[in-house]
Protein backbone atom coordinates (compact mmCIF):
# COMPACT_ATOMS: atom_id res chain seq x y z
CA GLY A 1 -18.10 2.16 0.40
CA GLN A 2 -16.50 -1.22 0.49
CA ILE A 3 -14.52 -2.71 3.32
CA VAL A 4 -10.84 -3.28 2.59
CA LEU A 5 -9.07 -6.03 4.52
CA GLU A 6 -5.31 -5.82 4.73
CA ILE A 7 -3.51 -9.13 5.07
CA THR A 8 0.19 -9.79 5.39
CA GLU A 9 2.14 -11.92 2.97
CA ARG A 10 2.53 -14.50 5.74
CA SER A 11 -1.23 -15.02 5.89
CA VAL A 12 -1.51 -16.17 2.27
CA ALA A 13 -0.29 -19.63 3.27
CA SER A 14 -2.53 -22.50 2.17
CA PRO A 15 -4.65 -22.84 5.33
CA HIS A 16 -5.89 -19.27 4.93
CA ARG A 17 -6.54 -19.18 1.19
CA GLU A 18 -10.08 -20.59 1.49
CA ARG A 19 -11.01 -17.89 4.00
CA ILE A 20 -9.45 -15.17 1.86
CA ASN A 21 -11.35 -16.40 -1.21
CA GLY A 22 -14.58 -16.56 0.80
CA LEU A 23 -14.18 -13.00 2.04
CA ALA A 24 -13.54 -11.75 -1.49
CA GLU A 25 -16.65 -13.59 -2.72
CA ARG A 26 -18.65 -11.73 -0.07
CA GLY A 27 -17.49 -8.39 -1.47
CA PHE A 28 -14.53 -7.57 0.75
CA ARG A 29 -11.59 -5.98 -1.05
CA ILE A 30 -8.36 -7.76 -0.13
CA TYR A 31 -5.03 -5.90 -0.03
CA ILE A 32 -1.62 -7.40 0.67
CA ASP A 33 0.04 -5.20 3.30
CA ASP A 34 3.80 -4.67 3.42
CA LEU A 35 4.47 -6.09 -0.05
CA GLY A 36 8.03 -7.34 -0.23
CA GLU A 37 8.33 -8.57 3.33
CA GLY A 38 7.81 -12.15 4.39
CA TYR A 39 6.44 -14.58 1.81
CA SER A 40 9.06 -15.42 -0.79
CA SER A 41 6.86 -16.22 -3.80
CA LEU A 42 4.87 -13.66 -5.78
CA SER A 43 2.54 -16.32 -7.20
CA TYR A 44 -0.19 -15.25 -4.77
CA LEU A 45 -0.50 -11.97 -6.70
CA HIS A 46 -2.43 -13.84 -9.37
CA ASP A 47 -3.63 -16.83 -7.31
CA LEU A 48 -5.67 -14.78 -4.83
CA PRO A 49 -8.59 -12.42 -5.50
CA LEU A 50 -6.60 -9.32 -4.57
CA ALA A 51 -7.80 -5.77 -5.09
CA GLY A 52 -4.54 -4.08 -4.16
CA VAL A 53 -1.10 -4.10 -2.62
CA LYS A 54 0.59 -1.81 -0.11
CA ILE A 55 4.32 -1.44 -0.65
CA SER A 56 6.27 -1.72 2.59
CA ARG A 57 7.91 1.33 4.08
CA SER A 58 11.11 -0.72 4.27
CA PHE A 59 11.30 -0.09 0.50
CA SER A 60 9.69 3.34 0.24
CA SER A 61 12.18 4.77 2.73
CA GLY A 62 14.56 4.87 -0.23
CA LEU A 63 12.35 7.17 -2.30
CA GLY A 64 13.87 10.58 -2.90
CA THR A 65 17.41 9.23 -2.51
CA ASP A 66 19.86 7.35 -4.70
CA SER A 67 18.97 4.14 -2.87
CA PRO A 68 18.44 0.99 -4.97
CA LYS A 69 15.23 0.61 -2.96
CA ALA A 70 13.71 3.40 -5.05
CA GLU A 71 14.07 1.24 -8.16
CA LEU A 72 12.41 -1.66 -6.35
CA VAL A 73 9.45 0.57 -5.45
CA LYS A 74 9.10 1.65 -9.08
CA ALA A 75 9.17 -1.99 -10.20
CA MET A 76 6.57 -3.02 -7.58
CA VAL A 77 4.29 -0.15 -8.61
CA GLU A 78 4.58 -1.13 -12.26
CA LEU A 79 3.91 -4.80 -11.45
CA GLY A 80 0.84 -3.92 -9.40
CA ARG A 81 -0.53 -1.70 -12.16
CA LYS A 82 0.08 -4.35 -14.84
CA LEU A 83 -1.87 -6.82 -12.72
CA GLY A 84 -4.75 -4.34 -12.40
CA LEU A 85 -4.27 -3.87 -8.65
CA ASP A 86 -4.64 -0.73 -6.58
CA VAL A 87 -1.19 0.28 -5.33
CA VAL A 88 -0.47 2.15 -2.10
CA VAL A 89 3.03 3.30 -1.17
CA GLU A 90 3.44 3.31 2.62
CA GLY A 91 5.93 5.22 4.74
CA ILE A 92 6.18 8.59 2.98
CA GLU A 93 7.74 10.80 5.65
CA SER A 94 9.57 13.61 3.85
CA GLU A 95 9.30 16.15 1.04
CA PRO A 96 11.85 14.25 -1.11
CA GLY A 97 9.86 11.04 -0.61
CA HIS A 98 6.62 12.85 -1.49
CA ALA A 99 8.19 14.35 -4.63
CA ALA A 100 9.53 10.94 -5.67
CA VAL A 101 6.17 9.25 -5.24
CA LEU A 102 4.54 11.93 -7.40
CA GLU A 103 6.94 10.96 -10.20
CA LEU A 104 5.37 7.48 -10.17
CA GLY A 105 2.15 8.97 -11.54
CA PRO A 106 -1.28 8.85 -9.93
CA ILE A 107 -0.89 6.67 -6.87
CA ALA A 108 -2.22 6.37 -3.34
CA CYS A 109 0.30 6.89 -0.58
CA GLN A 110 0.37 7.20 3.17
CA GLY A 111 2.82 8.24 5.83
CA PHE A 112 3.70 10.78 8.47
CA TYR A 113 4.42 13.38 5.78
CA TYR A 114 0.65 13.63 5.28
CA ALA A 115 -0.61 13.02 8.81
CA ARG A 116 0.16 11.10 11.96
CA PRO A 117 -2.32 8.72 13.59
CA MET A 118 -5.05 10.68 15.36
CA ARG A 119 -8.22 10.31 17.35
CA ILE A 120 -11.57 10.84 15.64
CA GLU A 121 -11.97 14.32 17.15
CA GLN A 122 -8.58 15.34 15.79
CA LEU A 123 -9.46 13.85 12.41
CA ARG A 124 -12.61 15.96 12.19
CA GLU A 125 -10.63 19.12 12.97
CA TRP A 126 -7.89 18.15 10.54
CA MET A 127 -10.40 17.51 7.75
CA ALA A 128 -12.21 20.78 8.42
CA GLY A 129 -8.99 22.82 8.27
CA ASP A 130 -5.83 22.68 6.24
CA ALA A 131 -5.42 19.00 5.45
CA GLY A 132 -1.76 19.43 4.52
CA PRO A 133 -0.08 17.91 1.46
CA THR A 134 -2.06 15.77 -0.91
CA ALA A 135 -0.78 13.37 -3.50
């Protein structure tokens, strides 16, 4: 497998771009973490060698409700797909949120609805047994 490095929008500032480009040239997959927080320009989405984006839970918390945030998540997912990026929706913590993310089509997601952080021993047990919901 390949190593995925998650960087924040704040780290795409000019002094770091050379390093980010160098890491991508060496085969690392670069993801922007917490898309929508921090950096105000989206130009880095095509200026950097990104493999994917992770949509911030501050937006996904609106999934499964009438929140305008749900429309923002849909737009971010569509933008990511149109740019050929992997898209991950973070912060799925409820059945309504899970159901809403399924409506977005095939997509990676993460959150406490699926599993909480765990030690390696717990992960082995979890994977051997009922792994809970899958999206």
